[in-house]
Amino acid sequence: MISRPLYLRARNEDKLQTTATAVASAGAEPLVYPLDLREAASADIVVKGTLGRFGRIDALLNIAGAVPQIDLFEMTDAQWDDGMALKLHGARRLTIRAWDALKLRGALLY
């Protein structure tokens, strides 16, 4: 059983709700945000919302992002850049916004 609240963030709201249901079934309280971390404001929304609801951030797992599932030699620079914007900039922004809260808790970063 999961004993802590979990924040969930994704662009696909249907899949996000499915995951939230599974999290709730495991005994945790999910906080759902259908956001795109490629948008700079999303990191602020996530961190402020999480702190407002739960009062703390214990850990941050940056696992968002993927490049299109196509042959590397067929992928355009724009497709590659879009995936990197989510993986790298999204993770960086979220980490920066959450950093003070994470330090207060002695939290781990993954």
Protein backbone atom coordinates (compact mmCIF):
# COMPACT_ATOMS: atom_id res chain seq x y z
CA MET A 1 0.00 0.00 0.00
CA ILE A 2 1.22 3.49 -0.84
CA SER A 3 0.97 5.74 2.20
CA ARG A 4 1.78 9.10 0.65
CA PRO A 5 -0.12 11.38 -1.70
CA LEU A 6 1.05 11.24 -5.31
CA TYR A 7 1.01 13.99 -7.87
CA LEU A 8 0.33 12.78 -11.41
CA ARG A 9 1.05 14.86 -14.49
CA ALA A 10 0.49 13.96 -18.15
CA ARG A 11 -0.86 15.35 -21.39
CA ASN A 12 -3.29 12.47 -22.04
CA GLU A 13 -6.11 13.01 -19.58
CA ASP A 14 -7.77 9.61 -20.17
CA LYS A 15 -4.59 7.70 -19.36
CA LEU A 16 -3.94 10.03 -16.47
CA GLN A 17 -7.36 9.32 -14.95
CA THR A 18 -6.79 5.57 -15.35
CA THR A 19 -3.51 5.90 -13.45
CA ALA A 20 -5.16 8.07 -10.79
CA THR A 21 -7.78 5.39 -10.23
CA ALA A 22 -5.06 2.77 -9.75
CA VAL A 23 -3.19 5.05 -7.34
CA ALA A 24 -6.35 5.65 -5.31
CA SER A 25 -7.04 1.89 -5.26
CA ALA A 26 -3.58 1.39 -3.76
CA GLY A 27 -4.48 3.73 -0.90
CA ALA A 28 -2.79 6.98 -1.98
CA GLU A 29 -4.35 10.33 -2.77
CA PRO A 30 -3.64 11.35 -6.39
CA LEU A 31 -3.41 14.97 -7.48
CA VAL A 32 -4.07 15.08 -11.21
CA TYR A 33 -2.79 17.72 -13.63
CA PRO A 34 -3.42 17.31 -17.39
CA LEU A 35 -0.55 19.62 -18.38
CA ASP A 36 2.22 19.75 -20.94
CA LEU A 37 5.63 20.36 -19.36
CA ARG A 38 6.88 21.82 -22.61
CA GLU A 39 4.94 24.90 -21.52
CA ALA A 40 7.00 26.86 -19.00
CA ALA A 41 4.03 27.79 -16.80
CA SER A 42 3.19 24.12 -16.18
CA ALA A 43 6.03 23.64 -13.70
CA ASP A 44 4.76 26.50 -11.56
CA ILE A 45 1.22 25.13 -11.61
CA VAL A 46 2.43 21.69 -10.55
CA VAL A 47 4.67 22.86 -7.71
CA LYS A 48 2.28 25.47 -6.33
CA GLY A 49 -0.65 23.07 -6.57
CA THR A 50 1.23 20.24 -4.90
CA LEU A 51 2.46 22.44 -2.05
CA GLY A 52 -1.00 23.98 -1.67
CA ARG A 53 -2.69 20.59 -1.43
CA PHE A 54 -0.11 18.50 0.45
CA GLY A 55 2.18 21.09 2.02
CA ARG A 56 5.38 19.41 0.90
CA ILE A 57 7.24 17.59 -1.86
CA ASP A 58 9.15 14.50 -0.74
CA ALA A 59 10.52 13.32 -4.08
CA LEU A 60 10.53 14.32 -7.72
CA LEU A 61 10.59 11.76 -10.52
CA ASN A 62 11.15 13.30 -13.93
CA ILE A 63 10.04 10.55 -16.31
CA ALA A 64 8.06 12.54 -18.86
CA GLY A 65 8.82 12.57 -22.51
CA ALA A 66 9.34 10.51 -25.57
CA VAL A 67 10.35 11.01 -29.13
CA PRO A 68 7.98 9.75 -31.83
CA GLN A 69 8.06 6.00 -32.31
CA ILE A 70 9.35 6.20 -35.85
CA ASP A 71 12.57 5.27 -37.56
CA LEU A 72 15.39 7.58 -36.50
CA PHE A 73 16.27 8.20 -40.14
CA GLU A 74 12.71 9.32 -40.89
CA MET A 75 12.41 11.63 -37.89
CA THR A 76 12.56 15.36 -38.61
CA ASP A 77 14.56 17.81 -36.54
CA ALA A 78 11.28 19.35 -35.38
CA GLN A 79 10.04 15.98 -34.09
CA TRP A 80 13.30 15.36 -32.27
CA ASP A 81 13.35 18.88 -30.79
CA ASP A 82 9.76 18.51 -29.56
CA GLY A 83 10.66 15.36 -27.64
CA MET A 84 13.74 16.99 -26.16
CA ALA A 85 11.75 20.06 -25.11
CA LEU A 86 9.56 17.83 -23.00
CA LYS A 87 12.30 15.57 -21.63
CA LEU A 88 14.99 18.12 -20.92
CA HIS A 89 13.35 21.51 -20.49
CA GLY A 90 10.31 20.08 -18.72
CA ALA A 91 12.44 18.16 -16.23
CA ARG A 92 14.76 21.12 -15.69
CA ARG A 93 11.92 23.57 -15.09
CA LEU A 94 10.11 21.25 -12.72
CA THR A 95 13.29 20.56 -10.75
CA ILE A 96 14.13 24.26 -10.47
CA ARG A 97 10.61 25.16 -9.31
CA ALA A 98 10.49 22.33 -6.75
CA TRP A 99 14.07 22.67 -5.52
CA ASP A 100 13.41 24.76 -2.39
CA ALA A 101 10.60 22.44 -1.26
CA LEU A 102 12.73 19.38 -1.95
CA LYS A 103 15.67 20.73 0.06
CA LEU A 104 13.40 21.36 3.04
CA ARG A 105 12.42 17.69 3.07
CA GLY A 106 15.87 16.28 2.36
CA ALA A 107 14.19 14.74 -0.65
CA LEU A 108 15.64 12.50 -3.32
CA LEU A 109 15.75 13.32 -7.01
CA TYR A 110 15.35 10.64 -9.67
